[in-house]
């Protein structure tokens, strides 16, 4: 996202640049944002143009008014000259040991049905044994070419080749990613990832435009071709409530459940054969 500053105005500070980008992305005027943050529109204007240095409290109130994710709140604090507000610990660190145990428990209890853990850029961080068994069945013993779920869905040489209702599934996934971008417009990694998906063949160009009218279906069934016949799953997503760590804020656990008795039976049979 780019914008032109008034040639006679003071240079925009990094904080001002971020604030303006987020305000424009949220389609808020300076007056609307100022009122929501409990400050004057003049003060906000001075902050955006670098004439005023806001306090840490003011930055926090602006971030709240803009409904910024935790990572972007940290970036705003740093741009304002303050230390980040939220820590970021790798999932493997002792600080998140209890949460890691909870995640492992969730995906283990999902057996004999698939479950996997994703980060904010759709990279698969963990998967239970059921997910591995189903993946090998669908790919005829081959491993996926990608560790990223979006690439798996869009690459014709990956899971795309066995998704019966690919157009429906792929559109759902790309709409989800676009909603993420709307919530985090400065996430260049996600923006580049979405752009990469359109490099794959036969991806409709009109998917580049967000659909602001038609909402997603409440339940999406994913249908796969396999040597065991067609397998049908629906998914649920689990996130952490009110996290205070960037890693936890951006993690989600996706659990797949059988949408018919045949799929349930195949999952049970695969689990029994592997035990």
C-alpha atoms as a PDB file:
ATOM      1  CA  UNK A   1       0.000   0.000   0.000  1.00  0.00           C
ATOM      2  CA  UNK A   2       1.466   3.383  -0.962  1.00  0.00           C
ATOM      3  CA  UNK A   3       0.324   6.968  -0.633  1.00  0.00           C
ATOM      4  CA  UNK A   4       1.522  10.408  -1.610  1.00  0.00           C
ATOM      5  CA  UNK A   5       2.389  12.877   1.137  1.00  0.00           C
ATOM      6  CA  UNK A   6       1.866  16.600   0.754  1.00  0.00           C
ATOM      7  CA  UNK A   7       5.103  18.060  -0.593  1.00  0.00           C
ATOM      8  CA  UNK A   8       4.885  20.896   1.955  1.00  0.00           C
ATOM      9  CA  UNK A   9       4.327  18.584   4.942  1.00  0.00           C
ATOM     10  CA  UNK A  10       7.018  17.347   7.268  1.00  0.00           C
ATOM     11  CA  UNK A  11       8.498  13.945   6.356  1.00  0.00           C
ATOM     12  CA  UNK A  12       6.487  11.039   7.703  1.00  0.00           C
ATOM     13  CA  UNK A  13       8.099   9.182  10.573  1.00  0.00           C
ATOM     14  CA  UNK A  14       8.027   5.368  10.552  1.00  0.00           C
ATOM     15  CA  UNK A  15       5.308   5.537  13.202  1.00  0.00           C
ATOM     16  CA  UNK A  16       3.297   7.960  11.109  1.00  0.00           C
ATOM     17  CA  UNK A  17       3.661   5.774   8.042  1.00  0.00           C
ATOM     18  CA  UNK A  18       2.389   2.717   9.899  1.00  0.00           C
ATOM     19  CA  UNK A  19      -0.493   4.595  11.487  1.00  0.00           C
ATOM     20  CA  UNK A  20      -1.624   6.043   8.199  1.00  0.00           C
ATOM     21  CA  UNK A  21      -1.384   2.677   6.412  1.00  0.00           C
ATOM     22  CA  UNK A  22      -3.483   1.008   9.085  1.00  0.00           C
ATOM     23  CA  UNK A  23      -5.981   3.866   9.215  1.00  0.00           C
ATOM     24  CA  UNK A  24      -6.437   3.749   5.442  1.00  0.00           C
ATOM     25  CA  UNK A  25      -6.715  -0.052   5.504  1.00  0.00           C
ATOM     26  CA  UNK A  26      -9.402   0.216   8.178  1.00  0.00           C
ATOM     27  CA  UNK A  27     -11.109   2.983   6.171  1.00  0.00           C
ATOM     28  CA  UNK A  28     -11.062   5.356   9.111  1.00  0.00           C
ATOM     29  CA  UNK A  29     -10.687   9.106   8.944  1.00  0.00           C
ATOM     30  CA  UNK A  30      -8.312  10.886  11.289  1.00  0.00           C
ATOM     31  CA  UNK A  31     -11.335  12.173  13.199  1.00  0.00           C
ATOM     32  CA  UNK A  32     -12.883   8.709  13.555  1.00  0.00           C
ATOM     33  CA  UNK A  33      -9.625   7.144  14.739  1.00  0.00           C
ATOM     34  CA  UNK A  34      -8.915  10.011  17.125  1.00  0.00           C
ATOM     35  CA  UNK A  35     -12.362   9.732  18.694  1.00  0.00           C
ATOM     36  CA  UNK A  36     -12.025   5.953  19.047  1.00  0.00           C
ATOM     37  CA  UNK A  37      -8.595   6.361  20.692  1.00  0.00           C
ATOM     38  CA  UNK A  38      -9.726   9.205  22.994  1.00  0.00           C
ATOM     39  CA  UNK A  39      -7.487  11.914  21.560  1.00  0.00           C
ATOM     40  CA  UNK A  40      -7.896  15.006  19.423  1.00  0.00           C
ATOM     41  CA  UNK A  41      -7.777  14.828  15.633  1.00  0.00           C
ATOM     42  CA  UNK A  42      -5.072  17.546  15.706  1.00  0.00           C
ATOM     43  CA  UNK A  43      -2.889  15.450  17.993  1.00  0.00           C
ATOM     44  CA  UNK A  44      -3.313  12.426  15.722  1.00  0.00           C
ATOM     45  CA  UNK A  45      -2.432  14.554  12.699  1.00  0.00           C
ATOM     46  CA  UNK A  46       0.734  15.704  14.456  1.00  0.00           C
ATOM     47  CA  UNK A  47       1.635  12.100  15.276  1.00  0.00           C
ATOM     48  CA  UNK A  48       1.179  11.029  11.646  1.00  0.00           C
ATOM     49  CA  UNK A  49       3.321  13.881  10.349  1.00  0.00           C
ATOM     50  CA  UNK A  50       6.022  13.532  12.999  1.00  0.00           C
ATOM     51  CA  UNK A  51       5.291  16.822  14.767  1.00  0.00           C
ATOM     52  CA  UNK A  52       4.364  15.027  18.005  1.00  0.00           C
ATOM     53  CA  UNK A  53       5.866  12.053  19.832  1.00  0.00           C
ATOM     54  CA  UNK A  54       3.051   9.995  21.368  1.00  0.00           C
ATOM     55  CA  UNK A  55       3.351   8.240  24.691  1.00  0.00           C
ATOM     56  CA  UNK A  56       3.359   4.481  24.990  1.00  0.00           C
ATOM     57  CA  UNK A  57      -0.214   4.653  26.298  1.00  0.00           C
ATOM     58  CA  UNK A  58      -1.391   6.654  23.275  1.00  0.00           C
ATOM     59  CA  UNK A  59       0.190   4.150  20.885  1.00  0.00           C
ATOM     60  CA  UNK A  60      -1.512   1.306  22.738  1.00  0.00           C
ATOM     61  CA  UNK A  61      -4.877   3.091  22.487  1.00  0.00           C
ATOM     62  CA  UNK A  62      -4.374   3.659  18.766  1.00  0.00           C
ATOM     63  CA  UNK A  63      -3.508  -0.009  18.265  1.00  0.00           C
ATOM     64  CA  UNK A  64      -6.660  -1.010  20.140  1.00  0.00           C
ATOM     65  CA  UNK A  65      -8.786   1.340  18.047  1.00  0.00           C
ATOM     66  CA  UNK A  66      -7.294  -0.118  14.860  1.00  0.00           C
ATOM     67  CA  UNK A  67      -7.808  -3.698  16.139  1.00  0.00           C
ATOM     68  CA  UNK A  68      -4.210  -4.561  15.293  1.00  0.00           C
ATOM     69  CA  UNK A  69      -2.871  -8.109  15.812  1.00  0.00           C
ATOM     70  CA  UNK A  70      -0.186  -8.549  18.460  1.00  0.00           C
ATOM     71  CA  UNK A  71       2.742  -8.646  16.016  1.00  0.00           C
ATOM     72  CA  UNK A  72       1.668  -5.409  14.365  1.00  0.00           C
ATOM     73  CA  UNK A  73       1.177  -3.793  17.797  1.00  0.00           C
ATOM     74  CA  UNK A  74       4.792  -4.605  18.559  1.00  0.00           C
ATOM     75  CA  UNK A  75       5.877  -3.057  15.257  1.00  0.00           C
ATOM     76  CA  UNK A  76       3.945   0.110  16.121  1.00  0.00           C
ATOM     77  CA  UNK A  77       5.614   0.310  19.530  1.00  0.00           C
ATOM     78  CA  UNK A  78       9.069  -0.143  18.014  1.00  0.00           C
ATOM     79  CA  UNK A  79       8.351   2.521  15.386  1.00  0.00           C
ATOM     80  CA  UNK A  80       7.377   4.861  18.216  1.00  0.00           C
ATOM     81  CA  UNK A  81      10.670   4.223  20.003  1.00  0.00           C
ATOM     82  CA  UNK A  82       9.368   1.849  22.667  1.00  0.00           C
ATOM     83  CA  UNK A  83      10.076  -1.755  23.559  1.00  0.00           C
ATOM     84  CA  UNK A  84       7.692  -4.373  22.144  1.00  0.00           C
ATOM     85  CA  UNK A  85       4.612  -5.029  24.256  1.00  0.00           C
ATOM     86  CA  UNK A  86       4.306  -8.780  23.644  1.00  0.00           C
ATOM     87  CA  UNK A  87       7.028 -11.457  23.772  1.00  0.00           C
ATOM     88  CA  UNK A  88       7.640 -14.024  21.050  1.00  0.00           C
ATOM     89  CA  UNK A  89       8.808 -17.455  22.144  1.00  0.00           C
ATOM     90  CA  UNK A  90       9.481 -20.366  19.831  1.00  0.00           C
ATOM     91  CA  UNK A  91       7.041 -23.201  20.398  1.00  0.00           C
ATOM     92  CA  UNK A  92       9.964 -25.410  21.467  1.00  0.00           C
ATOM     93  CA  UNK A  93      11.081 -23.115  24.314  1.00  0.00           C
ATOM     94  CA  UNK A  94      10.476 -23.947  28.006  1.00  0.00           C
ATOM     95  CA  UNK A  95       8.277 -20.835  28.317  1.00  0.00           C
ATOM     96  CA  UNK A  96       5.619 -22.511  26.170  1.00  0.00           C
ATOM     97  CA  UNK A  97       6.050 -26.041  27.493  1.00  0.00           C
ATOM     98  CA  UNK A  98       2.537 -26.229  28.961  1.00  0.00           C
ATOM     99  CA  UNK A  99       0.973 -24.881  25.786  1.00  0.00           C
ATOM    100  CA  UNK A 100       3.029 -27.297  23.695  1.00  0.00           C
ATOM    101  CA  UNK A 101       1.757 -30.150  25.840  1.00  0.00           C
ATOM    102  CA  UNK A 102      -1.805 -28.926  25.338  1.00  0.00           C
ATOM    103  CA  UNK A 103      -1.312 -28.809  21.559  1.00  0.00           C
ATOM    104  CA  UNK A 104       0.165 -32.307  21.503  1.00  0.00           C
ATOM    105  CA  UNK A 105      -2.758 -33.555  23.599  1.00  0.00           C
ATOM    106  CA  UNK A 106      -5.330 -32.024  21.243  1.00  0.00           C
ATOM    107  CA  UNK A 107      -3.871 -33.498  18.070  1.00  0.00           C
ATOM    108  CA  UNK A 108      -3.211 -36.878  19.730  1.00  0.00           C
ATOM    109  CA  UNK A 109      -6.829 -37.096  20.895  1.00  0.00           C
ATOM    110  CA  UNK A 110      -7.979 -36.365  17.352  1.00  0.00           C
ATOM    111  CA  UNK A 111      -6.924 -39.898  16.346  1.00  0.00           C
ATOM    112  CA  UNK A 112      -7.870 -41.703  14.169  1.00  0.00           C
ATOM    113  CA  UNK A 113      -8.723 -38.495  12.310  1.00  0.00           C
ATOM    114  CA  UNK A 114      -6.224 -35.937  10.965  1.00  0.00           C
ATOM    115  CA  UNK A 115      -5.092 -32.845  12.861  1.00  0.00           C
ATOM    116  CA  UNK A 116      -2.295 -30.386  12.207  1.00  0.00           C
ATOM    117  CA  UNK A 117      -0.913 -27.128  13.561  1.00  0.00           C
ATOM    118  CA  UNK A 118      -0.429 -24.082  11.340  1.00  0.00           C
ATOM    119  CA  UNK A 119       1.316 -20.753  11.792  1.00  0.00           C
ATOM    120  CA  UNK A 120       0.014 -17.445  10.444  1.00  0.00           C
ATOM    121  CA  UNK A 121       1.563 -18.091   7.024  1.00  0.00           C
ATOM    122  CA  UNK A 122      -0.086 -21.514   6.632  1.00  0.00           C
ATOM    123  CA  UNK A 123       3.093 -23.489   7.310  1.00  0.00           C
ATOM    124  CA  UNK A 124       2.421 -26.910   8.835  1.00  0.00           C
ATOM    125  CA  UNK A 125       4.336 -27.058  12.126  1.00  0.00           C
ATOM    126  CA  UNK A 126       2.962 -30.302  13.549  1.00  0.00           C
ATOM    127  CA  UNK A 127       0.703 -33.142  12.422  1.00  0.00           C
ATOM    128  CA  UNK A 128      -0.666 -36.203  14.133  1.00  0.00           C
ATOM    129  CA  UNK A 129      -0.113 -39.734  12.858  1.00  0.00           C
ATOM    130  CA  UNK A 130      -3.591 -39.851  11.308  1.00  0.00           C
ATOM    131  CA  UNK A 131      -2.751 -36.861   9.118  1.00  0.00           C
ATOM    132  CA  UNK A 132       0.417 -38.598   7.948  1.00  0.00           C
ATOM    133  CA  UNK A 133      -1.462 -41.806   7.172  1.00  0.00           C
ATOM    134  CA  UNK A 134      -4.154 -40.010   5.179  1.00  0.00           C
ATOM    135  CA  UNK A 135      -1.575 -37.934   3.334  1.00  0.00           C
ATOM    136  CA  UNK A 136       0.368 -41.016   2.263  1.00  0.00           C
ATOM    137  CA  UNK A 137      -2.856 -42.694   1.126  1.00  0.00           C
ATOM    138  CA  UNK A 138      -3.926 -39.687  -0.956  1.00  0.00           C
ATOM    139  CA  UNK A 139      -0.474 -39.203  -2.476  1.00  0.00           C
ATOM    140  CA  UNK A 140       0.090 -42.933  -3.152  1.00  0.00           C
ATOM    141  CA  UNK A 141       2.978 -43.150  -0.720  1.00  0.00           C
ATOM    142  CA  UNK A 142       4.630 -39.888  -1.759  1.00  0.00           C
ATOM    143  CA  UNK A 143       5.320 -37.027   0.620  1.00  0.00           C
ATOM    144  CA  UNK A 144       3.901 -33.599  -0.117  1.00  0.00           C
ATOM    145  CA  UNK A 145       6.148 -31.259  -2.110  1.00  0.00           C
ATOM    146  CA  UNK A 146       5.418 -28.385   0.278  1.00  0.00           C
ATOM    147  CA  UNK A 147       5.363 -27.681   3.992  1.00  0.00           C
ATOM    148  CA  UNK A 148       2.893 -24.882   3.310  1.00  0.00           C
ATOM    149  CA  UNK A 149      -0.797 -25.799   3.211  1.00  0.00           C
ATOM    150  CA  UNK A 150      -1.755 -23.188   0.608  1.00  0.00           C
ATOM    151  CA  UNK A 151       0.900 -24.428  -1.793  1.00  0.00           C
ATOM    152  CA  UNK A 152      -0.264 -27.986  -1.167  1.00  0.00           C
ATOM    153  CA  UNK A 153      -3.806 -27.014  -2.162  1.00  0.00           C
ATOM    154  CA  UNK A 154      -2.836 -24.986  -5.248  1.00  0.00           C
ATOM    155  CA  UNK A 155       0.058 -27.013  -6.705  1.00  0.00           C
ATOM    156  CA  UNK A 156      -1.240 -29.456  -9.384  1.00  0.00           C
ATOM    157  CA  UNK A 157       1.559 -31.857  -8.452  1.00  0.00           C
ATOM    158  CA  UNK A 158       0.523 -31.870  -4.799  1.00  0.00           C
ATOM    159  CA  UNK A 159      -2.842 -32.370  -3.051  1.00  0.00           C
ATOM    160  CA  UNK A 160      -4.659 -30.328  -5.664  1.00  0.00           C
ATOM    161  CA  UNK A 161      -4.528 -33.354  -7.961  1.00  0.00           C
ATOM    162  CA  UNK A 162      -6.695 -35.419  -5.583  1.00  0.00           C
ATOM    163  CA  UNK A 163      -9.171 -32.785  -4.382  1.00  0.00           C
ATOM    164  CA  UNK A 164     -12.488 -33.577  -6.064  1.00  0.00           C
ATOM    165  CA  UNK A 165     -14.078 -30.180  -5.337  1.00  0.00           C
ATOM    166  CA  UNK A 166     -10.856 -28.213  -5.845  1.00  0.00           C
ATOM    167  CA  UNK A 167     -12.441 -24.965  -7.080  1.00  0.00           C
ATOM    168  CA  UNK A 168     -14.686 -24.730  -4.031  1.00  0.00           C
ATOM    169  CA  UNK A 169     -11.904 -25.616  -1.606  1.00  0.00           C
ATOM    170  CA  UNK A 170      -9.250 -23.397  -3.175  1.00  0.00           C
ATOM    171  CA  UNK A 171     -11.548 -20.378  -3.258  1.00  0.00           C
ATOM    172  CA  UNK A 172     -12.384 -20.904   0.418  1.00  0.00           C
ATOM    173  CA  UNK A 173      -8.695 -21.005   1.332  1.00  0.00           C
ATOM    174  CA  UNK A 174      -7.737 -17.961  -0.708  1.00  0.00           C
ATOM    175  CA  UNK A 175     -10.665 -15.971   0.707  1.00  0.00           C
ATOM    176  CA  UNK A 176      -9.493 -16.899   4.183  1.00  0.00           C
ATOM    177  CA  UNK A 177      -5.977 -15.677   3.377  1.00  0.00           C
ATOM    178  CA  UNK A 178      -7.398 -12.430   1.987  1.00  0.00           C
ATOM    179  CA  UNK A 179      -9.323 -11.896   5.215  1.00  0.00           C
ATOM    180  CA  UNK A 180      -6.057 -12.352   7.081  1.00  0.00           C
ATOM    181  CA  UNK A 181      -4.473  -9.697   4.874  1.00  0.00           C
ATOM    182  CA  UNK A 182      -7.344  -7.328   5.546  1.00  0.00           C
ATOM    183  CA  UNK A 183      -6.689  -7.807   9.269  1.00  0.00           C
ATOM    184  CA  UNK A 184      -2.893  -7.450   8.835  1.00  0.00           C
ATOM    185  CA  UNK A 185      -2.346  -5.265   5.726  1.00  0.00           C
ATOM    186  CA  UNK A 186       1.378  -4.812   6.397  1.00  0.00           C
ATOM    187  CA  UNK A 187       2.126  -8.567   6.355  1.00  0.00           C
ATOM    188  CA  UNK A 188       4.301  -8.692   3.237  1.00  0.00           C
ATOM    189  CA  UNK A 189       5.092 -12.413   3.652  1.00  0.00           C
ATOM    190  CA  UNK A 190       1.413 -13.319   3.493  1.00  0.00           C
ATOM    191  CA  UNK A 191       0.844 -10.876   0.644  1.00  0.00           C
ATOM    192  CA  UNK A 192       3.654 -12.489  -1.362  1.00  0.00           C
ATOM    193  CA  UNK A 193       2.315 -15.951  -0.524  1.00  0.00           C
ATOM    194  CA  UNK A 194      -1.118 -15.071  -1.902  1.00  0.00           C
ATOM    195  CA  UNK A 195       0.497 -13.646  -5.041  1.00  0.00           C
ATOM    196  CA  UNK A 196       2.444 -16.875  -5.532  1.00  0.00           C
ATOM    197  CA  UNK A 197      -0.797 -18.868  -5.603  1.00  0.00           C
ATOM    198  CA  UNK A 198      -1.877 -17.051  -8.757  1.00  0.00           C
ATOM    199  CA  UNK A 199       1.234 -18.323 -10.531  1.00  0.00           C
ATOM    200  CA  UNK A 200      -0.260 -21.822 -10.546  1.00  0.00           C
ATOM    201  CA  UNK A 201      -2.289 -22.804 -13.637  1.00  0.00           C
ATOM    202  CA  UNK A 202      -6.026 -22.229 -13.941  1.00  0.00           C
ATOM    203  CA  UNK A 203      -6.434 -20.064 -10.856  1.00  0.00           C
ATOM    204  CA  UNK A 204      -9.319 -17.671 -11.665  1.00  0.00           C
ATOM    205  CA  UNK A 205      -8.192 -14.076 -11.957  1.00  0.00           C
ATOM    206  CA  UNK A 206     -11.326 -12.769 -10.258  1.00  0.00           C
ATOM    207  CA  UNK A 207     -10.196 -14.470  -7.033  1.00  0.00           C
ATOM    208  CA  UNK A 208      -7.720 -11.590  -6.660  1.00  0.00           C
ATOM    209  CA  UNK A 209     -10.632  -9.360  -5.659  1.00  0.00           C
ATOM    210  CA  UNK A 210     -12.062  -9.840  -2.189  1.00  0.00           C
ATOM    211  CA  UNK A 211     -15.696 -10.899  -2.189  1.00  0.00           C
ATOM    212  CA  UNK A 212     -17.334  -8.447   0.230  1.00  0.00           C
ATOM    213  CA  UNK A 213     -20.885  -9.580  -0.551  1.00  0.00           C
ATOM    214  CA  UNK A 214     -21.019 -13.359  -0.395  1.00  0.00           C
ATOM    215  CA  UNK A 215     -19.924 -14.838   2.900  1.00  0.00           C
ATOM    216  CA  UNK A 216     -18.248 -18.263   3.115  1.00  0.00           C
ATOM    217  CA  UNK A 217     -20.362 -21.358   3.562  1.00  0.00           C
ATOM    218  CA  UNK A 218     -20.776 -22.290   7.248  1.00  0.00           C
ATOM    219  CA  UNK A 219     -19.393 -25.777   6.592  1.00  0.00           C
ATOM    220  CA  UNK A 220     -17.039 -26.757   3.773  1.00  0.00           C
ATOM    221  CA  UNK A 221     -16.608 -30.420   2.895  1.00  0.00           C
ATOM    222  CA  UNK A 222     -13.274 -31.441   1.372  1.00  0.00           C
ATOM    223  CA  UNK A 223     -13.601 -34.436  -0.948  1.00  0.00           C
ATOM    224  CA  UNK A 224     -10.510 -36.443  -1.943  1.00  0.00           C
ATOM    225  CA  UNK A 225      -9.924 -39.207  -4.502  1.00  0.00           C
ATOM    226  CA  UNK A 226      -8.082 -42.225  -3.108  1.00  0.00           C
ATOM    227  CA  UNK A 227      -7.490 -45.935  -3.677  1.00  0.00           C
ATOM    228  CA  UNK A 228      -9.989 -46.470  -0.849  1.00  0.00           C
ATOM    229  CA  UNK A 229     -12.671 -44.525  -2.701  1.00  0.00           C
ATOM    230  CA  UNK A 230     -13.740 -40.936  -2.154  1.00  0.00           C
ATOM    231  CA  UNK A 231     -12.928 -39.574   1.306  1.00  0.00           C
ATOM    232  CA  UNK A 232     -14.884 -36.631   2.673  1.00  0.00           C
ATOM    233  CA  UNK A 233     -13.897 -34.438   5.626  1.00  0.00           C
ATOM    234  CA  UNK A 234     -14.985 -31.199   7.274  1.00  0.00           C
ATOM    235  CA  UNK A 235     -12.661 -29.129   9.446  1.00  0.00           C
ATOM    236  CA  UNK A 236     -12.760 -27.241  12.726  1.00  0.00           C
ATOM    237  CA  UNK A 237     -10.229 -24.600  13.787  1.00  0.00           C
ATOM    238  CA  UNK A 238      -8.978 -24.108  17.344  1.00  0.00           C
ATOM    239  CA  UNK A 239      -7.139 -20.965  18.454  1.00  0.00           C
ATOM    240  CA  UNK A 240      -5.852 -19.767  21.835  1.00  0.00           C
ATOM    241  CA  UNK A 241      -8.045 -17.393  23.813  1.00  0.00           C
ATOM    242  CA  UNK A 242      -6.489 -14.015  24.695  1.00  0.00           C
ATOM    243  CA  UNK A 243      -2.841 -15.034  24.136  1.00  0.00           C
ATOM    244  CA  UNK A 244      -0.038 -12.795  25.400  1.00  0.00           C
ATOM    245  CA  UNK A 245       2.631 -14.296  23.140  1.00  0.00           C
ATOM    246  CA  UNK A 246       3.024 -13.768  19.388  1.00  0.00           C
ATOM    247  CA  UNK A 247       3.565 -17.452  18.658  1.00  0.00           C
ATOM    248  CA  UNK A 248       0.382 -18.492  20.445  1.00  0.00           C
ATOM    249  CA  UNK A 249      -1.591 -15.628  18.921  1.00  0.00           C
ATOM    250  CA  UNK A 250      -0.727 -16.824  15.429  1.00  0.00           C
ATOM    251  CA  UNK A 251      -1.131 -20.585  15.889  1.00  0.00           C
ATOM    252  CA  UNK A 252      -4.218 -22.515  14.910  1.00  0.00           C
ATOM    253  CA  UNK A 253      -5.047 -26.189  15.159  1.00  0.00           C
ATOM    254  CA  UNK A 254      -7.066 -27.666  12.294  1.00  0.00           C
ATOM    255  CA  UNK A 255      -8.911 -30.906  13.003  1.00  0.00           C
ATOM    256  CA  UNK A 256     -10.544 -32.932  10.223  1.00  0.00           C
ATOM    257  CA  UNK A 257     -13.619 -35.035  10.917  1.00  0.00           C
ATOM    258  CA  UNK A 258     -15.190 -37.629   8.612  1.00  0.00           C
ATOM    259  CA  UNK A 259     -18.239 -36.346   6.743  1.00  0.00           C
ATOM    260  CA  UNK A 260     -19.599 -39.863   6.094  1.00  0.00           C
ATOM    261  CA  UNK A 261     -19.416 -43.405   7.456  1.00  0.00           C
ATOM    262  CA  UNK A 262     -17.125 -44.625   4.654  1.00  0.00           C
ATOM    263  CA  UNK A 263     -14.454 -42.029   5.492  1.00  0.00           C
ATOM    264  CA  UNK A 264     -14.710 -42.856   9.203  1.00  0.00           C
ATOM    265  CA  UNK A 265     -14.262 -46.557   8.455  1.00  0.00           C
ATOM    266  CA  UNK A 266     -11.178 -45.946   6.271  1.00  0.00           C
ATOM    267  CA  UNK A 267      -9.580 -43.802   8.988  1.00  0.00           C
ATOM    268  CA  UNK A 268     -10.247 -46.494  11.604  1.00  0.00           C
ATOM    269  CA  UNK A 269      -8.877 -49.228   9.354  1.00  0.00           C
ATOM    270  CA  UNK A 270      -5.675 -47.282   8.615  1.00  0.00           C
ATOM    271  CA  UNK A 271      -5.139 -46.663  12.328  1.00  0.00           C
ATOM    272  CA  UNK A 272      -5.672 -50.327  13.144  1.00  0.00           C
ATOM    273  CA  UNK A 273      -3.241 -51.439  10.433  1.00  0.00           C
ATOM    274  CA  UNK A 274      -0.516 -49.122  11.724  1.00  0.00           C
ATOM    275  CA  UNK A 275      -0.774 -50.142  15.377  1.00  0.00           C
END
